[in-house]
Amino acid sequence: MWDDRFEELLRRQLPFLPPEEKIEQDTPLTDLGLDSLGIVELLSALEEEYGVHFQDDALSMETFRTPGTLWKVLSGMFRPVG
């Protein structure tokens, strides 16, 4: 799965996710409250935190569809530790 930094940044943009609820990798992020502004904020936070830059082909709704798809794209840009 993903690391704690990813989950923390993701949770900040999911207003419909209760704090104690586990994030499932295949849950649609829009169901948890991620909207277009949240996507922009999340994108910026991920780029800053991980020192990566999302290329144009990764800037699609499909990339931000679920936590699993987003992590797959993000982790393909760097080598996760652990």
PDB file of N, CA and C in Angstrom:
ATOM      1  N   MET A   1       0.840  -1.187   0.000  1.00  0.00           N
ATOM      2  CA  MET A   1       0.000   0.000   0.000  1.00  0.00           C
ATOM      3  C   MET A   1       0.880   1.245   0.000  1.00  0.00           C
ATOM      4  N   TRP A   2       0.365   2.300   0.537  1.00  0.00           N
ATOM      5  CA  TRP A   2       1.066   3.582   0.500  1.00  0.00           C
ATOM      6  C   TRP A   2       1.679   3.907   1.850  1.00  0.00           C
ATOM      7  N   ASP A   3       2.452   5.001   1.886  1.00  0.00           N
ATOM      8  CA  ASP A   3       3.098   5.396   3.135  1.00  0.00           C
ATOM      9  C   ASP A   3       2.213   6.378   3.917  1.00  0.00           C
ATOM     10  N   ASP A   4       2.632   6.672   5.139  1.00  0.00           N
ATOM     11  CA  ASP A   4       1.849   7.532   6.029  1.00  0.00           C
ATOM     12  C   ASP A   4       1.725   8.956   5.503  1.00  0.00           C
ATOM     13  N   ARG A   5       2.764   9.454   4.848  1.00  0.00           N
ATOM     14  CA  ARG A   5       2.712  10.829   4.311  1.00  0.00           C
ATOM     15  C   ARG A   5       1.597  10.959   3.286  1.00  0.00           C
ATOM     16  N   PHE A   6       1.487   9.968   2.407  1.00  0.00           N
ATOM     17  CA  PHE A   6       0.445   9.979   1.378  1.00  0.00           C
ATOM     18  C   PHE A   6      -0.932   9.994   2.022  1.00  0.00           C
ATOM     19  N   GLU A   7      -1.144   9.126   2.992  1.00  0.00           N
ATOM     20  CA  GLU A   7      -2.450   9.050   3.639  1.00  0.00           C
ATOM     21  C   GLU A   7      -2.788  10.361   4.348  1.00  0.00           C
ATOM     22  N   GLU A   8      -1.819  10.959   5.008  1.00  0.00           N
ATOM     23  CA  GLU A   8      -2.056  12.219   5.710  1.00  0.00           C
ATOM     24  C   GLU A   8      -2.460  13.329   4.730  1.00  0.00           C
ATOM     25  N   LEU A   9      -1.744  13.444   3.625  1.00  0.00           N
ATOM     26  CA  LEU A   9      -2.073  14.462   2.627  1.00  0.00           C
ATOM     27  C   LEU A   9      -3.428  14.189   1.989  1.00  0.00           C
ATOM     28  N   LEU A  10      -3.727  12.943   1.743  1.00  0.00           N
ATOM     29  CA  LEU A  10      -5.000  12.565   1.144  1.00  0.00           C
ATOM     30  C   LEU A  10      -6.161  12.879   2.088  1.00  0.00           C
ATOM     31  N   ARG A  11      -6.016  12.508   3.349  1.00  0.00           N
ATOM     32  CA  ARG A  11      -7.082  12.748   4.324  1.00  0.00           C
ATOM     33  C   ARG A  11      -7.456  14.228   4.427  1.00  0.00           C
ATOM     34  N   ARG A  12      -6.505  15.105   4.261  1.00  0.00           N
ATOM     35  CA  ARG A  12      -6.776  16.550   4.349  1.00  0.00           C
ATOM     36  C   ARG A  12      -7.776  17.011   3.298  1.00  0.00           C
ATOM     37  N   GLN A  13      -7.887  16.278   2.208  1.00  0.00           N
ATOM     38  CA  GLN A  13      -8.766  16.671   1.107  1.00  0.00           C
ATOM     39  C   GLN A  13     -10.051  15.844   1.029  1.00  0.00           C
ATOM     40  N   LEU A  14     -10.315  15.033   2.047  1.00  0.00           N
ATOM     41  CA  LEU A  14     -11.479  14.145   2.021  1.00  0.00           C
ATOM     42  C   LEU A  14     -12.442  14.489   3.162  1.00  0.00           C
ATOM     43  N   PRO A  15     -13.272  15.506   2.968  1.00  0.00           N
ATOM     44  CA  PRO A  15     -14.140  15.967   4.056  1.00  0.00           C
ATOM     45  C   PRO A  15     -15.206  14.966   4.488  1.00  0.00           C
ATOM     46  N   PHE A  16     -15.556  13.992   3.652  1.00  0.00           N
ATOM     47  CA  PHE A  16     -16.591  13.028   4.014  1.00  0.00           C
ATOM     48  C   PHE A  16     -16.027  11.772   4.664  1.00  0.00           C
ATOM     49  N   LEU A  17     -14.716  11.738   4.889  1.00  0.00           N
ATOM     50  CA  LEU A  17     -14.077  10.566   5.496  1.00  0.00           C
ATOM     51  C   LEU A  17     -13.922  10.794   6.996  1.00  0.00           C
ATOM     52  N   PRO A  18     -14.615   9.997   7.818  1.00  0.00           N
ATOM     53  CA  PRO A  18     -14.429  10.124   9.271  1.00  0.00           C
ATOM     54  C   PRO A  18     -12.977   9.829   9.649  1.00  0.00           C
ATOM     55  N   PRO A  19     -12.441  10.537  10.654  1.00  0.00           N
ATOM     56  CA  PRO A  19     -11.027  10.375  11.031  1.00  0.00           C
ATOM     57  C   PRO A  19     -10.621   8.944  11.348  1.00  0.00           C
ATOM     58  N   GLU A  20     -11.532   8.158  11.909  1.00  0.00           N
ATOM     59  CA  GLU A  20     -11.178   6.799  12.311  1.00  0.00           C
ATOM     60  C   GLU A  20     -11.379   5.772  11.197  1.00  0.00           C
ATOM     61  N   GLU A  21     -11.979   6.187  10.087  1.00  0.00           N
ATOM     62  CA  GLU A  21     -12.261   5.238   9.003  1.00  0.00           C
ATOM     63  C   GLU A  21     -11.023   4.973   8.150  1.00  0.00           C
ATOM     64  N   LYS A  22     -10.823   3.709   7.844  1.00  0.00           N
ATOM     65  CA  LYS A  22      -9.700   3.301   6.997  1.00  0.00           C
ATOM     66  C   LYS A  22      -9.968   3.726   5.552  1.00  0.00           C
ATOM     67  N   ILE A  23      -8.926   4.149   4.869  1.00  0.00           N
ATOM     68  CA  ILE A  23      -9.048   4.489   3.452  1.00  0.00           C
ATOM     69  C   ILE A  23      -8.810   3.212   2.650  1.00  0.00           C
ATOM     70  N   GLU A  24      -9.803   2.819   1.895  1.00  0.00           N
ATOM     71  CA  GLU A  24      -9.688   1.641   1.041  1.00  0.00           C
ATOM     72  C   GLU A  24      -9.120   2.066  -0.308  1.00  0.00           C
ATOM     73  N   GLN A  25      -8.266   1.253  -0.891  1.00  0.00           N
ATOM     74  CA  GLN A  25      -7.587   1.639  -2.120  1.00  0.00           C
ATOM     75  C   GLN A  25      -8.502   1.770  -3.323  1.00  0.00           C
ATOM     76  N   ASP A  26      -9.684   1.155  -3.282  1.00  0.00           N
ATOM     77  CA  ASP A  26     -10.567   1.216  -4.446  1.00  0.00           C
ATOM     78  C   ASP A  26     -11.810   2.082  -4.252  1.00  0.00           C
ATOM     79  N   THR A  27     -11.864   2.849  -3.164  1.00  0.00           N
ATOM     80  CA  THR A  27     -12.991   3.748  -2.932  1.00  0.00           C
ATOM     81  C   THR A  27     -12.862   4.979  -3.824  1.00  0.00           C
ATOM     82  N   PRO A  28     -13.919   5.330  -4.565  1.00  0.00           N
ATOM     83  CA  PRO A  28     -13.859   6.550  -5.375  1.00  0.00           C
ATOM     84  C   PRO A  28     -13.627   7.782  -4.492  1.00  0.00           C
ATOM     85  N   LEU A  29     -12.612   8.546  -4.808  1.00  0.00           N
ATOM     86  CA  LEU A  29     -12.278   9.712  -3.997  1.00  0.00           C
ATOM     87  C   LEU A  29     -13.381  10.762  -4.014  1.00  0.00           C
ATOM     88  N   THR A  30     -14.134  10.841  -5.103  1.00  0.00           N
ATOM     89  CA  THR A  30     -15.237  11.802  -5.141  1.00  0.00           C
ATOM     90  C   THR A  30     -16.311  11.425  -4.121  1.00  0.00           C
ATOM     91  N   ASP A  31     -16.472  10.141  -3.833  1.00  0.00           N
ATOM     92  CA  ASP A  31     -17.435   9.705  -2.814  1.00  0.00           C
ATOM     93  C   ASP A  31     -17.021  10.188  -1.424  1.00  0.00           C
ATOM     94  N   LEU A  32     -15.739  10.449  -1.245  1.00  0.00           N
ATOM     95  CA  LEU A  32     -15.222  10.913   0.046  1.00  0.00           C
ATOM     96  C   LEU A  32     -15.084  12.428   0.092  1.00  0.00           C
ATOM     97  N   GLY A  33     -15.550  13.101  -0.969  1.00  0.00           N
ATOM     98  CA  GLY A  33     -15.592  14.558  -0.963  1.00  0.00           C
ATOM     99  C   GLY A  33     -14.497  15.259  -1.739  1.00  0.00           C
ATOM    100  N   LEU A  34     -13.651  14.515  -2.450  1.00  0.00           N
ATOM    101  CA  LEU A  34     -12.604  15.169  -3.236  1.00  0.00           C
ATOM    102  C   LEU A  34     -13.247  15.866  -4.429  1.00  0.00           C
ATOM    103  N   ASP A  35     -13.037  17.181  -4.517  1.00  0.00           N
ATOM    104  CA  ASP A  35     -13.568  17.960  -5.630  1.00  0.00           C
ATOM    105  C   ASP A  35     -12.424  18.566  -6.422  1.00  0.00           C
ATOM    106  N   SER A  36     -12.730  19.382  -7.411  1.00  0.00           N
ATOM    107  CA  SER A  36     -11.685  19.914  -8.292  1.00  0.00           C
ATOM    108  C   SER A  36     -10.681  20.783  -7.529  1.00  0.00           C
ATOM    109  N   LEU A  37     -11.146  21.579  -6.596  1.00  0.00           N
ATOM    110  CA  LEU A  37     -10.216  22.383  -5.796  1.00  0.00           C
ATOM    111  C   LEU A  37      -9.345  21.472  -4.936  1.00  0.00           C
ATOM    112  N   GLY A  38      -9.939  20.433  -4.363  1.00  0.00           N
ATOM    113  CA  GLY A  38      -9.182  19.477  -3.568  1.00  0.00           C
ATOM    114  C   GLY A  38      -8.133  18.758  -4.384  1.00  0.00           C
ATOM    115  N   ILE A  39      -8.458  18.461  -5.637  1.00  0.00           N
ATOM    116  CA  ILE A  39      -7.479  17.808  -6.516  1.00  0.00           C
ATOM    117  C   ILE A  39      -6.278  18.719  -6.729  1.00  0.00           C
ATOM    118  N   VAL A  40      -6.528  19.993  -6.991  1.00  0.00           N
ATOM    119  CA  VAL A  40      -5.434  20.948  -7.206  1.00  0.00           C
ATOM    120  C   VAL A  40      -4.578  21.063  -5.950  1.00  0.00           C
ATOM    121  N   GLU A  41      -5.219  21.175  -4.792  1.00  0.00           N
ATOM    122  CA  GLU A  41      -4.474  21.284  -3.537  1.00  0.00           C
ATOM    123  C   GLU A  41      -3.693  20.006  -3.236  1.00  0.00           C
ATOM    124  N   LEU A  42      -4.318  18.858  -3.491  1.00  0.00           N
ATOM    125  CA  LEU A  42      -3.647  17.583  -3.266  1.00  0.00           C
ATOM    126  C   LEU A  42      -2.474  17.413  -4.219  1.00  0.00           C
ATOM    127  N   LEU A  43      -2.662  17.759  -5.456  1.00  0.00           N
ATOM    128  CA  LEU A  43      -1.594  17.681  -6.449  1.00  0.00           C
ATOM    129  C   LEU A  43      -0.394  18.509  -6.013  1.00  0.00           C
ATOM    130  N   SER A  44      -0.642  19.729  -5.601  1.00  0.00           N
ATOM    131  CA  SER A  44       0.435  20.616  -5.153  1.00  0.00           C
ATOM    132  C   SER A  44       1.145  20.038  -3.926  1.00  0.00           C
ATOM    133  N   ALA A  45       0.371  19.539  -2.964  1.00  0.00           N
ATOM    134  CA  ALA A  45       0.957  18.977  -1.745  1.00  0.00           C
ATOM    135  C   ALA A  45       1.793  17.736  -2.051  1.00  0.00           C
ATOM    136  N   LEU A  46       1.305  16.882  -2.945  1.00  0.00           N
ATOM    137  CA  LEU A  46       2.049  15.673  -3.298  1.00  0.00           C
ATOM    138  C   LEU A  46       3.347  16.016  -4.017  1.00  0.00           C
ATOM    139  N   GLU A  47       3.279  16.969  -4.943  1.00  0.00           N
ATOM    140  CA  GLU A  47       4.496  17.363  -5.658  1.00  0.00           C
ATOM    141  C   GLU A  47       5.534  17.931  -4.699  1.00  0.00           C
ATOM    142  N   GLU A  48       5.086  18.754  -3.760  1.00  0.00           N
ATOM    143  CA  GLU A  48       6.016  19.348  -2.800  1.00  0.00           C
ATOM    144  C   GLU A  48       6.581  18.295  -1.853  1.00  0.00           C
ATOM    145  N   GLU A  49       5.729  17.454  -1.322  1.00  0.00           N
ATOM    146  CA  GLU A  49       6.155  16.455  -0.335  1.00  0.00           C
ATOM    147  C   GLU A  49       7.102  15.414  -0.925  1.00  0.00           C
ATOM    148  N   TYR A  50       6.828  14.972  -2.136  1.00  0.00           N
ATOM    149  CA  TYR A  50       7.603  13.888  -2.739  1.00  0.00           C
ATOM    150  C   TYR A  50       8.657  14.373  -3.736  1.00  0.00           C
ATOM    151  N   GLY A  51       8.693  15.683  -3.995  1.00  0.00           N
ATOM    152  CA  GLY A  51       9.703  16.216  -4.918  1.00  0.00           C
ATOM    153  C   GLY A  51       9.539  15.693  -6.330  1.00  0.00           C
ATOM    154  N   VAL A  52       8.289  15.571  -6.769  1.00  0.00           N
ATOM    155  CA  VAL A  52       7.991  15.069  -8.115  1.00  0.00           C
ATOM    156  C   VAL A  52       7.186  16.123  -8.866  1.00  0.00           C
ATOM    157  N   HIS A  53       6.996  15.870 -10.157  1.00  0.00           N
ATOM    158  CA  HIS A  53       6.151  16.741 -10.978  1.00  0.00           C
ATOM    159  C   HIS A  53       5.251  15.855 -11.827  1.00  0.00           C
ATOM    160  N   PHE A  54       3.952  16.021 -11.645  1.00  0.00           N
ATOM    161  CA  PHE A  54       3.005  15.247 -12.441  1.00  0.00           C
ATOM    162  C   PHE A  54       3.053  15.741 -13.879  1.00  0.00           C
ATOM    163  N   GLN A  55       3.333  14.843 -14.806  1.00  0.00           N
ATOM    164  CA  GLN A  55       3.349  15.179 -16.224  1.00  0.00           C
ATOM    165  C   GLN A  55       1.911  15.319 -16.719  1.00  0.00           C
ATOM    166  N   ASP A  56       1.748  15.980 -17.845  1.00  0.00           N
ATOM    167  CA  ASP A  56       0.413  16.238 -18.388  1.00  0.00           C
ATOM    168  C   ASP A  56      -0.424  14.972 -18.534  1.00  0.00           C
ATOM    169  N   ASP A  57       0.196  13.870 -18.938  1.00  0.00           N
ATOM    170  CA  ASP A  57      -0.570  12.637 -19.135  1.00  0.00           C
ATOM    171  C   ASP A  57      -1.093  12.056 -17.819  1.00  0.00           C
ATOM    172  N   ALA A  58      -0.542  12.490 -16.681  1.00  0.00           N
ATOM    173  CA  ALA A  58      -1.007  12.026 -15.376  1.00  0.00           C
ATOM    174  C   ALA A  58      -2.073  12.948 -14.785  1.00  0.00           C
ATOM    175  N   LEU A  59      -2.299  14.075 -15.435  1.00  0.00           N
ATOM    176  CA  LEU A  59      -3.277  15.037 -14.923  1.00  0.00           C
ATOM    177  C   LEU A  59      -4.647  14.746 -15.514  1.00  0.00           C
ATOM    178  N   SER A  60      -5.231  13.668 -15.043  1.00  0.00           N
ATOM    179  CA  SER A  60      -6.549  13.262 -15.522  1.00  0.00           C
ATOM    180  C   SER A  60      -7.404  12.854 -14.337  1.00  0.00           C
ATOM    181  N   MET A  61      -8.701  12.828 -14.554  1.00  0.00           N
ATOM    182  CA  MET A  61      -9.609  12.382 -13.502  1.00  0.00           C
ATOM    183  C   MET A  61      -9.344  10.921 -13.147  1.00  0.00           C
ATOM    184  N   GLU A  62      -8.883  10.143 -14.103  1.00  0.00           N
ATOM    185  CA  GLU A  62      -8.587   8.735 -13.843  1.00  0.00           C
ATOM    186  C   GLU A  62      -7.491   8.595 -12.786  1.00  0.00           C
ATOM    187  N   THR A  63      -6.462   9.443 -12.850  1.00  0.00           N
ATOM    188  CA  THR A  63      -5.378   9.403 -11.873  1.00  0.00           C
ATOM    189  C   THR A  63      -5.914   9.612 -10.464  1.00  0.00           C
ATOM    190  N   PHE A  64      -6.899  10.489 -10.325  1.00  0.00           N
ATOM    191  CA  PHE A  64      -7.442  10.848  -9.015  1.00  0.00           C
ATOM    192  C   PHE A  64      -8.750  10.116  -8.703  1.00  0.00           C
ATOM    193  N   ARG A  65      -9.016   9.016  -9.408  1.00  0.00           N
ATOM    194  CA  ARG A  65     -10.259   8.269  -9.219  1.00  0.00           C
ATOM    195  C   ARG A  65     -10.316   7.568  -7.871  1.00  0.00           C
ATOM    196  N   THR A  66      -9.245   6.869  -7.510  1.00  0.00           N
ATOM    197  CA  THR A  66      -9.196   6.142  -6.234  1.00  0.00           C
ATOM    198  C   THR A  66      -7.829   6.353  -5.585  1.00  0.00           C
ATOM    199  N   PRO A  67      -7.720   6.101  -4.280  1.00  0.00           N
ATOM    200  CA  PRO A  67      -6.401   6.191  -3.638  1.00  0.00           C
ATOM    201  C   PRO A  67      -5.388   5.250  -4.289  1.00  0.00           C
ATOM    202  N   GLY A  68      -5.840   4.065  -4.690  1.00  0.00           N
ATOM    203  CA  GLY A  68      -4.938   3.093  -5.303  1.00  0.00           C
ATOM    204  C   GLY A  68      -4.375   3.572  -6.631  1.00  0.00           C
ATOM    205  N   THR A  69      -5.218   4.156  -7.476  1.00  0.00           N
ATOM    206  CA  THR A  69      -4.718   4.636  -8.763  1.00  0.00           C
ATOM    207  C   THR A  69      -3.783   5.823  -8.568  1.00  0.00           C
ATOM    208  N   LEU A  70      -4.127   6.706  -7.645  1.00  0.00           N
ATOM    209  CA  LEU A  70      -3.266   7.864  -7.395  1.00  0.00           C
ATOM    210  C   LEU A  70      -1.911   7.423  -6.854  1.00  0.00           C
ATOM    211  N   TRP A  71      -1.902   6.490  -5.908  1.00  0.00           N
ATOM    212  CA  TRP A  71      -0.638   6.003  -5.355  1.00  0.00           C
ATOM    213  C   TRP A  71       0.209   5.309  -6.421  1.00  0.00           C
ATOM    214  N   LYS A  72      -0.442   4.557  -7.297  1.00  0.00           N
ATOM    215  CA  LYS A  72       0.286   3.865  -8.364  1.00  0.00           C
ATOM    216  C   LYS A  72       1.003   4.876  -9.263  1.00  0.00           C
ATOM    217  N   VAL A  73       0.303   5.937  -9.652  1.00  0.00           N
ATOM    218  CA  VAL A  73       0.918   6.971 -10.488  1.00  0.00           C
ATOM    219  C   VAL A  73       2.040   7.673  -9.721  1.00  0.00           C
ATOM    220  N   LEU A  74       1.754   8.079  -8.490  1.00  0.00           N
ATOM    221  CA  LEU A  74       2.745   8.795  -7.682  1.00  0.00           C
ATOM    222  C   LEU A  74       3.974   7.933  -7.430  1.00  0.00           C
ATOM    223  N   SER A  75       3.776   6.711  -7.012  1.00  0.00           N
ATOM    224  CA  SER A  75       4.923   5.864  -6.674  1.00  0.00           C
ATOM    225  C   SER A  75       5.743   5.497  -7.915  1.00  0.00           C
ATOM    226  N   GLY A  76       5.151   5.599  -9.090  1.00  0.00           N
ATOM    227  CA  GLY A  76       5.899   5.377 -10.310  1.00  0.00           C
ATOM    228  C   GLY A  76       6.858   6.516 -10.621  1.00  0.00           C
ATOM    229  N   MET A  77       6.703   7.633  -9.937  1.00  0.00           N
ATOM    230  CA  MET A  77       7.561   8.810 -10.155  1.00  0.00           C
ATOM    231  C   MET A  77       8.785   8.808  -9.249  1.00  0.00           C
ATOM    232  N   PHE A  78       8.781   7.974  -8.224  1.00  0.00           N
ATOM    233  CA  PHE A  78       9.898   7.899  -7.283  1.00  0.00           C
ATOM    234  C   PHE A  78       9.985   6.486  -6.763  1.00  0.00           C
ATOM    235  N   ARG A  79      11.009   6.206  -6.044  1.00  0.00           N
ATOM    236  CA  ARG A  79      11.163   4.880  -5.454  1.00  0.00           C
ATOM    237  C   ARG A  79      10.773   4.958  -3.982  1.00  0.00           C
ATOM    238  N   PRO A  80       9.574   4.421  -3.618  1.00  0.00           N
ATOM    239  CA  PRO A  80       9.141   4.467  -2.223  1.00  0.00           C
ATOM    240  C   PRO A  80      10.119   3.749  -1.293  1.00  0.00           C
ATOM    241  N   VAL A  81      10.261   4.280  -0.106  1.00  0.00           N
ATOM    242  CA  VAL A  81      11.124   3.668   0.910  1.00  0.00           C
ATOM    243  C   VAL A  81      10.278   2.732   1.741  1.00  0.00           C
ATOM    244  N   GLY A  82      10.761   1.525   1.953  1.00  0.00           N
ATOM    245  CA  GLY A  82      10.061   0.584   2.816  1.00  0.00           C
ATOM    246  C   GLY A  82       9.179  -0.332   2.131  1.00  0.00           C
TER     247      GLY A  82
END
